[in-house]
Protein backbone atom coordinates (compact mmCIF):
# COMPACT_ATOMS: atom_id res chain seq x y z
CA PRO A 1 -4.58 11.84 -2.47
CA GLU A 2 -4.27 12.51 -6.14
CA MET A 3 -7.94 11.94 -6.59
CA PHE A 4 -8.59 15.27 -4.81
CA GLU A 5 -6.68 17.23 -7.45
CA ASP A 6 -8.53 19.54 -9.87
CA ALA A 7 -7.74 17.17 -12.76
CA PRO A 8 -7.11 13.76 -11.13
CA ARG A 9 -5.00 11.34 -13.18
CA PRO A 10 -5.16 8.05 -11.29
CA ASP A 11 -2.83 5.18 -12.26
CA VAL A 12 -1.91 1.80 -10.87
CA ARG A 13 -0.30 3.48 -7.82
CA SER A 14 -3.72 4.93 -6.98
CA ASP A 15 -4.99 1.35 -6.85
CA VAL A 16 -2.04 0.34 -4.63
CA PHE A 17 -3.03 3.16 -2.26
CA SER A 18 -6.58 1.84 -2.14
CA LEU A 19 -5.52 -1.72 -1.60
CA ALA A 20 -3.11 -0.80 1.21
CA ALA A 21 -5.93 1.30 2.82
CA THR A 22 -8.29 -1.67 2.56
CA LEU A 23 -5.83 -3.97 4.24
CA TYR A 24 -5.24 -1.41 6.97
CA THR A 25 -8.97 -1.11 7.44
CA LEU A 26 -9.31 -4.89 7.86
CA LEU A 27 -6.62 -4.85 10.54
CA ALA A 28 -7.85 -1.74 12.37
CA GLY A 29 -11.60 -2.07 12.02
CA ARG A 30 -11.68 1.51 10.72
CA THR A 31 -10.15 3.44 7.89
CA PRO A 32 -6.48 4.53 8.19
CA PHE A 33 -7.59 8.16 8.42
CA GLU A 34 -10.45 7.85 10.88
CA VAL A 35 -9.91 9.13 14.45
CA ALA A 36 -11.86 7.26 17.07
CA GLY A 37 -14.08 9.79 18.85
CA GLY A 38 -12.80 12.64 16.67
CA PRO A 39 -14.28 14.54 13.72
CA ASN A 40 -14.53 12.09 10.78
CA GLY A 41 -16.58 13.94 8.26
CA ALA A 42 -15.69 13.85 4.55
CA LEU A 43 -13.62 17.07 4.78
CA ASP A 44 -11.78 15.81 7.84
CA LEU A 45 -10.91 12.56 6.16
CA MET A 46 -9.93 14.25 2.89
CA GLY A 47 -7.57 16.58 4.76
CA ARG A 48 -5.93 13.64 6.66
CA ILE A 49 -5.56 11.68 3.36
CA GLU A 50 -3.92 14.65 1.64
CA ARG A 51 -1.53 15.15 4.55
CA GLY A 52 -0.82 11.39 5.01
CA ASP A 53 -2.09 11.46 8.62
CA ILE A 54 -2.49 7.72 9.18
CA THR A 55 -4.04 7.00 12.51
CA PRO A 56 -1.68 4.76 14.44
CA LEU A 57 -2.68 1.12 14.70
CA THR A 58 -2.89 0.15 18.33
CA ARG A 59 -2.78 -3.59 17.81
CA THR A 60 0.40 -5.13 19.28
CA ASP A 61 0.14 -8.28 17.19
CA VAL A 62 0.75 -6.55 13.86
CA PRO A 63 4.52 -6.55 12.93
CA ALA A 64 6.32 -3.32 12.27
CA SER A 65 7.33 -4.64 8.87
CA LEU A 66 3.73 -5.07 7.83
CA LEU A 67 2.89 -1.54 8.94
CA ALA A 68 5.84 -0.25 6.94
CA VAL A 69 4.59 -2.00 3.87
CA LEU A 70 1.12 -0.52 4.32
CA ARG A 71 2.54 2.97 4.97
CA LYS A 72 4.57 2.75 1.79
CA GLY A 73 1.42 1.63 -0.09
CA MET A 74 -0.35 4.73 1.28
CA ALA A 75 2.43 7.27 0.73
CA ILE A 76 1.16 10.74 -0.12
CA ASP A 77 3.45 11.03 -3.14
CA ARG A 78 2.59 8.26 -5.55
CA ALA A 79 6.27 8.06 -6.66
CA ASP A 80 7.00 6.82 -3.06
CA ARG A 81 4.46 3.98 -3.37
CA PHE A 82 4.97 0.56 -4.84
CA ALA A 83 5.01 0.83 -8.62
CA THR A 84 2.68 -2.09 -9.13
CA ALA A 85 0.29 -4.24 -7.27
CA VAL A 86 2.68 -7.19 -7.85
CA ASP A 87 5.43 -5.16 -6.12
CA PHE A 88 3.05 -4.54 -3.27
CA ALA A 89 2.19 -8.29 -3.11
CA ARG A 90 5.88 -9.26 -3.08
CA ALA A 91 6.47 -6.92 -0.19
CA LEU A 92 3.62 -8.63 1.67
CA GLN A 93 5.17 -12.04 0.83
CA ARG A 94 8.43 -10.86 2.43
CA VAL A 95 6.52 -10.11 5.61
CA GLU A 96 5.01 -13.62 5.51
CA ILE A 97 8.42 -15.16 5.09
CA GLU A 98 9.78 -13.02 7.96
CA LEU A 99 7.02 -14.47 10.12
CA ASP A 100 7.88 -18.01 8.97
CA TYR A 101 4.67 -18.40 7.00
CA ALA A 102 4.55 -19.85 3.53
CA PRO A 103 4.17 -16.93 1.12
CA THR A 104 0.84 -16.55 -0.51
CA THR A 105 1.00 -17.32 -4.23
CA ILE A 106 0.67 -14.35 -6.53
CA ASP A 107 -1.47 -15.38 -9.50
CA VAL A 108 -1.63 -12.77 -12.21
CA PRO A 109 -3.23 -14.01 -15.38
CA ASN A 110 -1.81 -12.62 -18.63
CA LEU A 111 1.07 -10.91 -16.75
CA VAL A 112 3.56 -9.68 -19.35
CA VAL A 113 7.10 -9.40 -18.05
CA PRO A 114 9.44 -7.39 -20.30
CA ASP A 115 12.46 -9.22 -21.66
CA VAL A 116 15.61 -8.27 -19.88
CA ALA A 117 18.76 -8.07 -21.99
CA ILE A 118 21.49 -10.20 -20.48
CA ASP A 119 25.07 -9.12 -20.99
CA ARG A 120 26.91 -12.33 -21.78
CA SER A 121 30.19 -10.67 -22.81
CA THR A 122 31.80 -11.51 -19.47
CA ASP A 123 30.71 -15.14 -19.55
């Protein structure tokens, strides 16, 4: 949605939105904002994206937890999305674990994880 602003300032959360929308598209066979048999021109889609009008997924084999992860990834307000693609991937792993699947490995070359100060005064 932020890409439609007068001065768009995309960040990693914009990429999370795109990735969540892509996964939804793979599951639904259409974009999350397309309405079957309805008006789906560019302005129609832009309006739905800006409002967060995600077309309900009618598949019964998709768990609610996965839909919740995808909805969070496509939240209108970027502050409500996953902060990073790794956070999004971890949420998807939790769905895999919930379904008794082995979690897919997250391989991020050159990932830098900030050092966390550990308070050892109570040890």
